[in-house]
Amino acid sequence: MKIVFLDAATLGSTPLDEITALGELVTWPVSSPEEALERVGDCDVLIVNKVRVTDTLLARAPRLKLICEAATGVNNIDLEAAERRGIAVRNVAGYATETVVQCTFAHLLSLAGHAPYFDDCVKSGRYSAGPLFCDISHPTVELDGKTMGIVGLGAIGVRVAAVAAAFGMRVIYYSTSGTSHNHDYPSVPLDTLLRTADVVSIHAPLNARTQGLIGAAELRRMKPSAYLINLGRGGIVDEAALAEAVDAGVIAGAALDVYSSEPLPAGSPLLQVRHPERFRFTPHTGWASQEALARLVHGIAENIRIFFG
C-alpha cells in the first residue's frame, strides 16, 4: 500500500512512524496544485492538510481508495467528487480541543493582563529605573464576574465555557446552527451576546451562516471595554472592520489565530494598525501543540488501519 502525504511540513517534525508502519509512506513538505497532480498517480491513500483535493486531482489517482484529512475540517476536499468515484474520506475530530482552549485563554489573559507591556517594562530597564516598587500604569482586568459570550458551542466552545466558568465568568452563547442544543448555558441571539459580553470568543466553522458574521455593525454593538477573540475561521470576521474598530476604541482589543487568507498577506489591514498593542496574533498555531500533533498522527494511522482492516 502506498501512502502519499502532500503537505507533511504542516506537521513539523512530528514523528510519522505509526503511519510508516502501515505501508510505503512518501512525504512531500509542500505541494503546489501542479505538483500535487504529479504526485498522486500511484497512491492508495492520500493524506492532506490544506492541499485542495479537486475532481481534477482525483482523476489523476486511479488507485486511490482513501483520503485522510490531517485536520478536522474537510472543506479543502471535493466531497461530492470523492463520493462519485467511490473514494472514502476520513478526518480526525477532537485531537486539538484542549490546545485550542489553551490558546484562547493565553490570548485573553495576555490582553486582560497587558502581558507584552509589563514584560517589556522589566526587560527594557524602565522598571529598574523607576521610583516605585510597581508599575500600575496599565491596570489589569479581572475575569471574575465578567461575561464570556461564545459564538459556536461545539466541543471546543463547551470546553472554553468550562474554563471561563472556573475563572468566575458568566457564560452565554450564540448557536450558529440555530439548534441551541446545549442547556448548561443560556442561548441568546447574536445581538444580545454582542451587547452583553465582555469577551466574545468565536469557535464556529466557516459556512454560509458564519461567513462575514462579525462586521462593522456587529462590532459597534459590543462594549467599548470588550475583547474579541477568533480561533474559529478567519472569514467569520471582517478583518478591515476589526482593525478599524480596535484602532478607534470601539472595542478594547482583539486576538486572532485564524485569518481570511493564510498566511496573512503583508498588506493586511491587521498589520497596518495604529495601536498594535491592542492586538494579539498567532500564526494559526492554536491547534498545534506537540501533544495534539501526536494525537493527530495517531488518528490518521487509526483511520487507515480501520479502513483497510
C-alpha atoms as a PDB file:
ATOM      1  CA  MET A   1       0.000   0.000   0.000  1.00  0.00           C
ATOM      2  CA  LYS A   2       1.387   3.400  -0.986  1.00  0.00           C
ATOM      3  CA  ILE A   3       0.574   6.366   1.206  1.00  0.00           C
ATOM      4  CA  VAL A   4       1.296   9.881  -0.066  1.00  0.00           C
ATOM      5  CA  PHE A   5       1.319  12.939   2.218  1.00  0.00           C
ATOM      6  CA  LEU A   6       1.251  16.074   0.074  1.00  0.00           C
ATOM      7  CA  ASP A   7       1.931  18.732   2.739  1.00  0.00           C
ATOM      8  CA  ALA A   8       3.757  16.970   5.553  1.00  0.00           C
ATOM      9  CA  ALA A   9       5.515  20.179   6.612  1.00  0.00           C
ATOM     10  CA  THR A  10       2.253  21.232   8.264  1.00  0.00           C
ATOM     11  CA  LEU A  11       3.014  18.677  10.992  1.00  0.00           C
ATOM     12  CA  GLY A  12       6.554  19.945  11.534  1.00  0.00           C
ATOM     13  CA  SER A  13       8.930  17.378  12.998  1.00  0.00           C
ATOM     14  CA  THR A  14       6.185  15.189  14.467  1.00  0.00           C
ATOM     15  CA  PRO A  15       7.200  11.521  14.053  1.00  0.00           C
ATOM     16  CA  LEU A  16       5.164   9.673  11.425  1.00  0.00           C
ATOM     17  CA  ASP A  17       6.339   6.191  12.424  1.00  0.00           C
ATOM     18  CA  GLU A  18       2.841   4.949  13.148  1.00  0.00           C
ATOM     19  CA  ILE A  19       1.796   5.755   9.584  1.00  0.00           C
ATOM     20  CA  THR A  20       5.043   4.473   8.079  1.00  0.00           C
ATOM     21  CA  ALA A  21       4.381   1.084   9.652  1.00  0.00           C
ATOM     22  CA  LEU A  22       1.222   0.700   7.553  1.00  0.00           C
ATOM     23  CA  GLY A  23       2.793   0.876   4.103  1.00  0.00           C
ATOM     24  CA  GLU A  24       5.154   2.776   1.844  1.00  0.00           C
ATOM     25  CA  LEU A  25       4.927   6.388   3.004  1.00  0.00           C
ATOM     26  CA  VAL A  26       6.064   9.120   0.641  1.00  0.00           C
ATOM     27  CA  THR A  27       6.074  12.618   2.128  1.00  0.00           C
ATOM     28  CA  TRP A  28       6.329  15.972   0.408  1.00  0.00           C
ATOM     29  CA  PRO A  29       6.855  19.072   2.573  1.00  0.00           C
ATOM     30  CA  VAL A  30       4.513  21.158   0.389  1.00  0.00           C
ATOM     31  CA  SER A  31       2.807  20.625  -2.950  1.00  0.00           C
ATOM     32  CA  SER A  32       1.571  23.197  -5.426  1.00  0.00           C
ATOM     33  CA  PRO A  33      -1.601  22.302  -7.352  1.00  0.00           C
ATOM     34  CA  GLU A  34       0.548  21.327 -10.332  1.00  0.00           C
ATOM     35  CA  GLU A  35       2.944  19.257  -8.218  1.00  0.00           C
ATOM     36  CA  ALA A  36       0.063  17.501  -6.478  1.00  0.00           C
ATOM     37  CA  LEU A  37      -1.236  16.251  -9.824  1.00  0.00           C
ATOM     38  CA  GLU A  38       2.108  14.592 -10.499  1.00  0.00           C
ATOM     39  CA  ARG A  39       2.448  13.014  -7.069  1.00  0.00           C
ATOM     40  CA  VAL A  40      -0.803  11.078  -6.619  1.00  0.00           C
ATOM     41  CA  GLY A  41      -0.708   8.762  -9.628  1.00  0.00           C
ATOM     42  CA  ASP A  42       0.059   5.516  -7.798  1.00  0.00           C
ATOM     43  CA  CYS A  43      -1.147   6.166  -4.258  1.00  0.00           C
ATOM     44  CA  ASP A  44      -3.729   4.081  -2.415  1.00  0.00           C
ATOM     45  CA  VAL A  45      -4.023   6.547   0.484  1.00  0.00           C
ATOM     46  CA  LEU A  46      -3.716  10.309   0.213  1.00  0.00           C
ATOM     47  CA  ILE A  47      -3.008  12.457   3.269  1.00  0.00           C
ATOM     48  CA  VAL A  48      -3.587  16.205   3.052  1.00  0.00           C
ATOM     49  CA  ASN A  49      -3.920  19.090   5.450  1.00  0.00           C
ATOM     50  CA  LYS A  50      -4.577  22.198   3.351  1.00  0.00           C
ATOM     51  CA  VAL A  51      -3.882  20.965  -0.188  1.00  0.00           C
ATOM     52  CA  ARG A  52      -7.054  21.221  -2.248  1.00  0.00           C
ATOM     53  CA  VAL A  53      -8.328  17.862  -3.441  1.00  0.00           C
ATOM     54  CA  THR A  54     -10.286  18.582  -6.606  1.00  0.00           C
ATOM     55  CA  ASP A  55     -12.029  16.346  -9.108  1.00  0.00           C
ATOM     56  CA  THR A  56      -9.123  17.007 -11.460  1.00  0.00           C
ATOM     57  CA  LEU A  57      -6.648  15.719  -8.885  1.00  0.00           C
ATOM     58  CA  LEU A  58      -8.782  12.665  -8.148  1.00  0.00           C
ATOM     59  CA  ALA A  59      -8.841  11.834 -11.857  1.00  0.00           C
ATOM     60  CA  ARG A  60      -5.055  11.538 -11.691  1.00  0.00           C
ATOM     61  CA  ALA A  61      -5.196   8.972  -8.867  1.00  0.00           C
ATOM     62  CA  PRO A  62      -6.832   5.820 -10.280  1.00  0.00           C
ATOM     63  CA  ARG A  63      -5.697   3.630  -7.356  1.00  0.00           C
ATOM     64  CA  LEU A  64      -6.845   5.995  -4.636  1.00  0.00           C
ATOM     65  CA  LYS A  65      -9.176   4.426  -2.083  1.00  0.00           C
ATOM     66  CA  LEU A  66      -8.909   6.667   0.976  1.00  0.00           C
ATOM     67  CA  ILE A  67      -8.291  10.372   1.622  1.00  0.00           C
ATOM     68  CA  CYS A  68      -7.121  11.168   5.144  1.00  0.00           C
ATOM     69  CA  GLU A  69      -7.574  14.770   6.225  1.00  0.00           C
ATOM     70  CA  ALA A  70      -4.790  15.756   8.633  1.00  0.00           C
ATOM     71  CA  ALA A  71      -7.234  18.014  10.472  1.00  0.00           C
ATOM     72  CA  THR A  72     -10.901  18.163  11.417  1.00  0.00           C
ATOM     73  CA  GLY A  73     -12.303  20.391   8.671  1.00  0.00           C
ATOM     74  CA  VAL A  74     -12.625  18.853   5.201  1.00  0.00           C
ATOM     75  CA  ASN A  75     -13.599  21.973   3.248  1.00  0.00           C
ATOM     76  CA  ASN A  76     -10.453  21.586   1.113  1.00  0.00           C
ATOM     77  CA  ILE A  77     -11.777  18.313  -0.324  1.00  0.00           C
ATOM     78  CA  ASP A  78     -14.374  17.985  -3.086  1.00  0.00           C
ATOM     79  CA  LEU A  79     -16.528  15.528  -1.174  1.00  0.00           C
ATOM     80  CA  GLU A  80     -19.032  15.033  -3.986  1.00  0.00           C
ATOM     81  CA  ALA A  81     -16.278  14.142  -6.439  1.00  0.00           C
ATOM     82  CA  ALA A  82     -14.758  11.706  -3.947  1.00  0.00           C
ATOM     83  CA  GLU A  83     -18.107  10.016  -3.323  1.00  0.00           C
ATOM     84  CA  ARG A  84     -18.800   9.811  -7.042  1.00  0.00           C
ATOM     85  CA  ARG A  85     -15.504   7.995  -7.531  1.00  0.00           C
ATOM     86  CA  GLY A  86     -16.042   5.689  -4.558  1.00  0.00           C
ATOM     87  CA  ILE A  87     -13.201   7.216  -2.539  1.00  0.00           C
ATOM     88  CA  ALA A  88     -13.642   7.363   1.233  1.00  0.00           C
ATOM     89  CA  VAL A  89     -12.777  10.500   3.226  1.00  0.00           C
ATOM     90  CA  ARG A  90     -11.774  10.419   6.889  1.00  0.00           C
ATOM     91  CA  ASN A  91     -10.823  13.261   9.215  1.00  0.00           C
ATOM     92  CA  VAL A  92      -9.593  13.394  12.824  1.00  0.00           C
ATOM     93  CA  ALA A  93     -12.015  15.035  15.225  1.00  0.00           C
ATOM     94  CA  GLY A  94     -11.235  16.389  18.667  1.00  0.00           C
ATOM     95  CA  TYR A  95      -7.455  15.951  18.611  1.00  0.00           C
ATOM     96  CA  ALA A  96      -6.753  19.652  19.304  1.00  0.00           C
ATOM     97  CA  THR A  97      -9.654  20.674  21.527  1.00  0.00           C
ATOM     98  CA  GLU A  98      -7.616  21.297  24.666  1.00  0.00           C
ATOM     99  CA  THR A  99      -4.877  23.039  22.708  1.00  0.00           C
ATOM    100  CA  VAL A 100      -7.319  25.493  21.126  1.00  0.00           C
ATOM    101  CA  VAL A 101      -8.878  26.191  24.525  1.00  0.00           C
ATOM    102  CA  GLN A 102      -5.436  26.870  25.973  1.00  0.00           C
ATOM    103  CA  CYS A 103      -4.590  29.237  23.118  1.00  0.00           C
ATOM    104  CA  THR A 104      -7.897  31.042  23.630  1.00  0.00           C
ATOM    105  CA  PHE A 105      -7.104  31.830  27.243  1.00  0.00           C
ATOM    106  CA  ALA A 106      -3.449  32.593  26.532  1.00  0.00           C
ATOM    107  CA  HIS A 107      -4.695  35.354  24.241  1.00  0.00           C
ATOM    108  CA  LEU A 108      -7.377  36.528  26.660  1.00  0.00           C
ATOM    109  CA  LEU A 109      -5.049  36.630  29.653  1.00  0.00           C
ATOM    110  CA  SER A 110      -2.437  38.477  27.611  1.00  0.00           C
ATOM    111  CA  LEU A 111      -4.998  41.116  26.637  1.00  0.00           C
ATOM    112  CA  ALA A 112      -6.505  41.445  30.094  1.00  0.00           C
ATOM    113  CA  GLY A 113      -3.100  41.454  31.778  1.00  0.00           C
ATOM    114  CA  HIS A 114      -1.211  43.680  29.289  1.00  0.00           C
ATOM    115  CA  ALA A 115       1.441  40.964  29.197  1.00  0.00           C
ATOM    116  CA  PRO A 116       3.676  42.384  26.419  1.00  0.00           C
ATOM    117  CA  TYR A 117       3.801  45.815  28.086  1.00  0.00           C
ATOM    118  CA  PHE A 118       4.819  44.520  31.503  1.00  0.00           C
ATOM    119  CA  ASP A 119       7.318  42.063  30.052  1.00  0.00           C
ATOM    120  CA  ASP A 120       8.982  44.898  28.132  1.00  0.00           C
ATOM    121  CA  CYS A 121       8.794  47.159  31.184  1.00  0.00           C
ATOM    122  CA  VAL A 122      11.123  44.845  33.067  1.00  0.00           C
ATOM    123  CA  LYS A 123      13.366  43.772  30.186  1.00  0.00           C
ATOM    124  CA  SER A 124      13.863  47.311  28.891  1.00  0.00           C
ATOM    125  CA  GLY A 125      15.062  48.601  32.271  1.00  0.00           C
ATOM    126  CA  ARG A 126      12.151  51.011  32.771  1.00  0.00           C
ATOM    127  CA  TYR A 127      11.077  49.173  35.914  1.00  0.00           C
ATOM    128  CA  SER A 128      14.600  49.184  37.349  1.00  0.00           C
ATOM    129  CA  ALA A 129      14.964  52.891  36.657  1.00  0.00           C
ATOM    130  CA  GLY A 130      11.590  53.848  38.100  1.00  0.00           C
ATOM    131  CA  PRO A 131      10.888  55.367  41.528  1.00  0.00           C
ATOM    132  CA  LEU A 132       8.172  52.859  42.575  1.00  0.00           C
ATOM    133  CA  PHE A 133       8.192  49.197  43.504  1.00  0.00           C
ATOM    134  CA  CYS A 134       5.461  48.598  40.904  1.00  0.00           C
ATOM    135  CA  ASP A 135       4.174  49.905  37.596  1.00  0.00           C
ATOM    136  CA  ILE A 136       0.425  50.438  37.716  1.00  0.00           C
ATOM    137  CA  SER A 137       0.168  52.493  34.545  1.00  0.00           C
ATOM    138  CA  HIS A 138      -1.767  49.672  32.849  1.00  0.00           C
ATOM    139  CA  PRO A 139      -4.229  48.197  35.375  1.00  0.00           C
ATOM    140  CA  THR A 140      -5.151  44.621  34.572  1.00  0.00           C
ATOM    141  CA  VAL A 141      -8.711  43.410  34.093  1.00  0.00           C
ATOM    142  CA  GLU A 142     -10.206  40.693  36.309  1.00  0.00           C
ATOM    143  CA  LEU A 143     -12.126  37.959  34.501  1.00  0.00           C
ATOM    144  CA  ASP A 144     -14.138  37.086  37.587  1.00  0.00           C
ATOM    145  CA  GLY A 145     -17.671  38.421  37.233  1.00  0.00           C
ATOM    146  CA  LYS A 146     -17.301  39.212  33.538  1.00  0.00           C
ATOM    147  CA  THR A 147     -19.458  37.661  30.796  1.00  0.00           C
ATOM    148  CA  MET A 148     -17.974  35.301  28.231  1.00  0.00           C
ATOM    149  CA  GLY A 149     -20.028  35.196  25.020  1.00  0.00           C
ATOM    150  CA  ILE A 150     -19.191  32.157  22.914  1.00  0.00           C
ATOM    151  CA  VAL A 151     -20.070  32.046  19.228  1.00  0.00           C
ATOM    152  CA  GLY A 152     -20.414  28.353  18.407  1.00  0.00           C
ATOM    153  CA  LEU A 153     -20.812  25.999  21.365  1.00  0.00           C
ATOM    154  CA  GLY A 154     -19.429  22.792  19.889  1.00  0.00           C
ATOM    155  CA  ALA A 155     -16.806  20.607  21.540  1.00  0.00           C
ATOM    156  CA  ILE A 156     -14.267  23.418  21.754  1.00  0.00           C
ATOM    157  CA  GLY A 157     -16.827  26.018  22.801  1.00  0.00           C
ATOM    158  CA  VAL A 158     -18.047  23.790  25.624  1.00  0.00           C
ATOM    159  CA  ARG A 159     -14.515  23.469  26.995  1.00  0.00           C
ATOM    160  CA  VAL A 160     -13.965  27.230  26.685  1.00  0.00           C
ATOM    161  CA  ALA A 161     -17.188  27.703  28.645  1.00  0.00           C
ATOM    162  CA  ALA A 162     -15.988  25.379  31.417  1.00  0.00           C
ATOM    163  CA  VAL A 163     -12.661  27.181  31.780  1.00  0.00           C
ATOM    164  CA  ALA A 164     -14.392  30.559  31.707  1.00  0.00           C
ATOM    165  CA  ALA A 165     -16.706  29.398  34.485  1.00  0.00           C
ATOM    166  CA  ALA A 166     -13.663  28.300  36.500  1.00  0.00           C
ATOM    167  CA  PHE A 167     -12.419  31.894  36.268  1.00  0.00           C
ATOM    168  CA  GLY A 168     -15.751  33.024  37.710  1.00  0.00           C
ATOM    169  CA  MET A 169     -17.170  34.242  34.417  1.00  0.00           C
ATOM    170  CA  ARG A 170     -20.801  34.087  33.404  1.00  0.00           C
ATOM    171  CA  VAL A 171     -21.210  32.203  30.112  1.00  0.00           C
ATOM    172  CA  ILE A 172     -23.732  32.819  27.335  1.00  0.00           C
ATOM    173  CA  TYR A 173     -23.624  31.542  23.776  1.00  0.00           C
ATOM    174  CA  TYR A 174     -24.969  32.024  20.273  1.00  0.00           C
ATOM    175  CA  SER A 175     -25.748  28.917  18.242  1.00  0.00           C
ATOM    176  CA  THR A 176     -24.577  29.473  14.664  1.00  0.00           C
ATOM    177  CA  SER A 177     -26.552  26.409  13.563  1.00  0.00           C
ATOM    178  CA  GLY A 178     -29.730  27.598  15.270  1.00  0.00           C
ATOM    179  CA  THR A 179     -30.117  24.382  17.264  1.00  0.00           C
ATOM    180  CA  SER A 180     -29.207  25.700  20.766  1.00  0.00           C
ATOM    181  CA  HIS A 181     -28.734  22.112  21.874  1.00  0.00           C
ATOM    182  CA  ASN A 182     -26.693  22.902  24.992  1.00  0.00           C
ATOM    183  CA  HIS A 183     -28.793  23.699  28.054  1.00  0.00           C
ATOM    184  CA  ASP A 184     -25.966  24.233  30.536  1.00  0.00           C
ATOM    185  CA  TYR A 185     -25.621  27.868  29.486  1.00  0.00           C
ATOM    186  CA  PRO A 186     -28.132  30.449  28.206  1.00  0.00           C
ATOM    187  CA  SER A 187     -28.509  30.568  24.428  1.00  0.00           C
ATOM    188  CA  VAL A 188     -29.088  34.112  23.212  1.00  0.00           C
ATOM    189  CA  PRO A 189     -29.466  35.950  19.884  1.00  0.00           C
ATOM    190  CA  LEU A 190     -26.230  37.271  18.412  1.00  0.00           C
ATOM    191  CA  ASP A 191     -27.250  40.876  19.041  1.00  0.00           C
ATOM    192  CA  THR A 192     -27.821  40.145  22.741  1.00  0.00           C
ATOM    193  CA  LEU A 193     -24.497  38.362  23.025  1.00  0.00           C
ATOM    194  CA  LEU A 194     -22.607  41.231  21.419  1.00  0.00           C
ATOM    195  CA  ARG A 195     -24.219  43.865  23.642  1.00  0.00           C
ATOM    196  CA  THR A 196     -23.793  41.809  26.831  1.00  0.00           C
ATOM    197  CA  ALA A 197     -20.436  40.045  26.608  1.00  0.00           C
ATOM    198  CA  ASP A 198     -17.165  41.366  27.972  1.00  0.00           C
ATOM    199  CA  VAL A 199     -15.374  38.771  25.850  1.00  0.00           C
ATOM    200  CA  VAL A 200     -16.674  37.459  22.513  1.00  0.00           C
ATOM    201  CA  SER A 201     -14.901  34.206  21.694  1.00  0.00           C
ATOM    202  CA  ILE A 202     -15.513  32.615  18.288  1.00  0.00           C
ATOM    203  CA  HIS A 203     -15.325  28.833  17.910  1.00  0.00           C
ATOM    204  CA  ALA A 204     -17.543  28.198  14.896  1.00  0.00           C
ATOM    205  CA  PRO A 205     -16.895  26.615  11.496  1.00  0.00           C
ATOM    206  CA  LEU A 206     -16.885  28.709   8.340  1.00  0.00           C
ATOM    207  CA  ASN A 207     -20.030  28.131   6.315  1.00  0.00           C
ATOM    208  CA  ALA A 208     -22.863  30.052   4.685  1.00  0.00           C
ATOM    209  CA  ARG A 209     -24.267  31.027   8.110  1.00  0.00           C
ATOM    210  CA  THR A 210     -20.995  32.299   9.556  1.00  0.00           C
ATOM    211  CA  GLN A 211     -19.242  33.898   6.578  1.00  0.00           C
ATOM    212  CA  GLY A 212     -18.853  37.597   7.466  1.00  0.00           C
ATOM    213  CA  LEU A 213     -20.878  37.126  10.645  1.00  0.00           C
ATOM    214  CA  ILE A 214     -18.959  39.832  12.517  1.00  0.00           C
ATOM    215  CA  GLY A 215     -18.619  43.083  10.579  1.00  0.00           C
ATOM    216  CA  ALA A 216     -18.526  46.787  11.370  1.00  0.00           C
ATOM    217  CA  ALA A 217     -22.157  46.928  12.508  1.00  0.00           C
ATOM    218  CA  GLU A 218     -21.721  43.979  14.860  1.00  0.00           C
ATOM    219  CA  LEU A 219     -18.519  45.397  16.332  1.00  0.00           C
ATOM    220  CA  ARG A 220     -20.307  48.677  17.097  1.00  0.00           C
ATOM    221  CA  ARG A 221     -22.806  46.738  19.219  1.00  0.00           C
ATOM    222  CA  MET A 222     -20.063  45.481  21.530  1.00  0.00           C
ATOM    223  CA  LYS A 223     -18.981  47.210  24.735  1.00  0.00           C
ATOM    224  CA  PRO A 224     -16.040  49.639  24.416  1.00  0.00           C
ATOM    225  CA  SER A 225     -14.303  47.566  27.111  1.00  0.00           C
ATOM    226  CA  ALA A 226     -14.877  44.238  25.343  1.00  0.00           C
ATOM    227  CA  TYR A 227     -12.397  41.913  23.665  1.00  0.00           C
ATOM    228  CA  LEU A 228     -12.994  39.814  20.554  1.00  0.00           C
ATOM    229  CA  ILE A 229     -11.129  36.526  20.126  1.00  0.00           C
ATOM    230  CA  ASN A 230     -11.305  34.390  16.979  1.00  0.00           C
ATOM    231  CA  LEU A 231      -9.997  30.827  16.970  1.00  0.00           C
ATOM    232  CA  GLY A 232     -12.723  29.619  14.604  1.00  0.00           C
ATOM    233  CA  ARG A 233     -12.102  30.598  10.990  1.00  0.00           C
ATOM    234  CA  GLY A 234     -10.825  33.857   9.534  1.00  0.00           C
ATOM    235  CA  GLY A 235     -13.726  34.502   7.190  1.00  0.00           C
ATOM    236  CA  ILE A 236     -16.122  34.849  10.111  1.00  0.00           C
ATOM    237  CA  VAL A 237     -14.738  38.302  10.986  1.00  0.00           C
ATOM    238  CA  ASP A 238     -14.325  41.280   8.655  1.00  0.00           C
ATOM    239  CA  GLU A 239     -10.639  41.967   9.290  1.00  0.00           C
ATOM    240  CA  ALA A 240     -10.622  45.505   7.909  1.00  0.00           C
ATOM    241  CA  ALA A 241     -13.609  46.410  10.088  1.00  0.00           C
ATOM    242  CA  LEU A 242     -11.955  44.811  13.108  1.00  0.00           C
ATOM    243  CA  ALA A 243      -8.697  46.701  12.582  1.00  0.00           C
ATOM    244  CA  GLU A 244     -10.587  49.982  12.373  1.00  0.00           C
ATOM    245  CA  ALA A 245     -12.829  49.211  15.359  1.00  0.00           C
ATOM    246  CA  VAL A 246      -9.944  48.355  17.687  1.00  0.00           C
ATOM    247  CA  ASP A 247      -7.844  51.293  16.493  1.00  0.00           C
ATOM    248  CA  ALA A 248     -10.777  53.667  17.062  1.00  0.00           C
ATOM    249  CA  GLY A 249     -11.558  52.287  20.530  1.00  0.00           C
ATOM    250  CA  VAL A 250     -14.927  50.873  19.507  1.00  0.00           C
ATOM    251  CA  ILE A 251     -13.770  47.761  21.376  1.00  0.00           C
ATOM    252  CA  ALA A 252     -10.780  47.389  23.689  1.00  0.00           C
ATOM    253  CA  GLY A 253      -8.826  44.737  21.844  1.00  0.00           C
ATOM    254  CA  ALA A 254      -8.783  41.627  19.706  1.00  0.00           C
ATOM    255  CA  ALA A 255      -6.847  38.377  19.364  1.00  0.00           C
ATOM    256  CA  LEU A 256      -6.707  36.221  16.259  1.00  0.00           C
ATOM    257  CA  ASP A 257      -5.196  32.861  15.381  1.00  0.00           C
ATOM    258  CA  VAL A 258      -7.019  32.498  12.037  1.00  0.00           C
ATOM    259  CA  TYR A 259      -7.248  34.770   9.020  1.00  0.00           C
ATOM    260  CA  SER A 260      -9.282  35.123   5.839  1.00  0.00           C
ATOM    261  CA  SER A 261      -6.162  34.458   3.792  1.00  0.00           C
ATOM    262  CA  GLU A 262      -3.346  32.329   5.208  1.00  0.00           C
ATOM    263  CA  PRO A 263      -0.540  33.102   5.570  1.00  0.00           C
ATOM    264  CA  LEU A 264      -1.663  36.623   6.436  1.00  0.00           C
ATOM    265  CA  PRO A 265      -0.818  38.927   3.494  1.00  0.00           C
ATOM    266  CA  ALA A 266       1.794  41.577   4.236  1.00  0.00           C
ATOM    267  CA  GLY A 267      -0.696  44.259   3.169  1.00  0.00           C
ATOM    268  CA  SER A 268      -3.451  43.113   5.537  1.00  0.00           C
ATOM    269  CA  PRO A 269      -5.235  45.911   7.442  1.00  0.00           C
ATOM    270  CA  LEU A 270      -4.370  43.999  10.607  1.00  0.00           C
ATOM    271  CA  LEU A 271      -0.694  44.761  10.046  1.00  0.00           C
ATOM    272  CA  GLN A 272      -1.278  48.458   9.371  1.00  0.00           C
ATOM    273  CA  VAL A 273      -2.966  49.359  12.663  1.00  0.00           C
ATOM    274  CA  ARG A 274      -2.075  52.442  14.697  1.00  0.00           C
ATOM    275  CA  HIS A 275      -2.396  50.618  18.032  1.00  0.00           C
ATOM    276  CA  PRO A 276      -0.730  47.218  17.686  1.00  0.00           C
ATOM    277  CA  GLU A 277      -0.610  46.920  21.475  1.00  0.00           C
ATOM    278  CA  ARG A 278      -4.369  46.319  21.427  1.00  0.00           C
ATOM    279  CA  PHE A 279      -3.984  43.188  19.294  1.00  0.00           C
ATOM    280  CA  ARG A 280      -2.641  39.687  19.846  1.00  0.00           C
ATOM    281  CA  PHE A 281      -1.835  37.479  16.855  1.00  0.00           C
ATOM    282  CA  THR A 282      -0.641  33.904  16.417  1.00  0.00           C
ATOM    283  CA  PRO A 283       0.046  32.295  13.008  1.00  0.00           C
ATOM    284  CA  HIS A 284      -2.734  29.669  13.048  1.00  0.00           C
ATOM    285  CA  THR A 285      -0.941  27.601  15.662  1.00  0.00           C
ATOM    286  CA  GLY A 286      -3.763  27.261  18.162  1.00  0.00           C
ATOM    287  CA  TRP A 287      -4.257  23.617  17.121  1.00  0.00           C
ATOM    288  CA  ALA A 288      -0.608  22.571  17.055  1.00  0.00           C
ATOM    289  CA  SER A 289       0.710  21.624  20.470  1.00  0.00           C
ATOM    290  CA  GLN A 290       3.133  18.713  20.441  1.00  0.00           C
ATOM    291  CA  GLU A 291       0.522  16.585  22.185  1.00  0.00           C
ATOM    292  CA  ALA A 292      -2.199  17.488  19.666  1.00  0.00           C
ATOM    293  CA  LEU A 293       0.105  16.728  16.733  1.00  0.00           C
ATOM    294  CA  ALA A 294       0.896  13.306  18.198  1.00  0.00           C
ATOM    295  CA  ARG A 295      -2.829  12.616  18.629  1.00  0.00           C
ATOM    296  CA  LEU A 296      -3.421  13.729  15.044  1.00  0.00           C
ATOM    297  CA  VAL A 297      -0.836  11.306  13.636  1.00  0.00           C
ATOM    298  CA  HIS A 298      -2.333   8.512  15.726  1.00  0.00           C
ATOM    299  CA  GLY A 299      -5.805   9.396  14.446  1.00  0.00           C
ATOM    300  CA  ILE A 300      -4.658   9.309  10.806  1.00  0.00           C
ATOM    301  CA  ALA A 301      -2.993   5.940  11.333  1.00  0.00           C
ATOM    302  CA  GLU A 302      -6.095   4.615  13.062  1.00  0.00           C
ATOM    303  CA  ASN A 303      -8.281   5.752  10.167  1.00  0.00           C
ATOM    304  CA  ILE A 304      -6.053   3.863   7.702  1.00  0.00           C
ATOM    305  CA  ARG A 305      -5.974   0.742   9.883  1.00  0.00           C
ATOM    306  CA  ILE A 306      -9.740   0.660  10.322  1.00  0.00           C
ATOM    307  CA  PHE A 307     -10.450   1.296   6.648  1.00  0.00           C
ATOM    308  CA  PHE A 308      -8.205  -1.493   5.396  1.00  0.00           C
ATOM    309  CA  GLY A 309      -8.807  -3.783   8.345  1.00  0.00           C
END
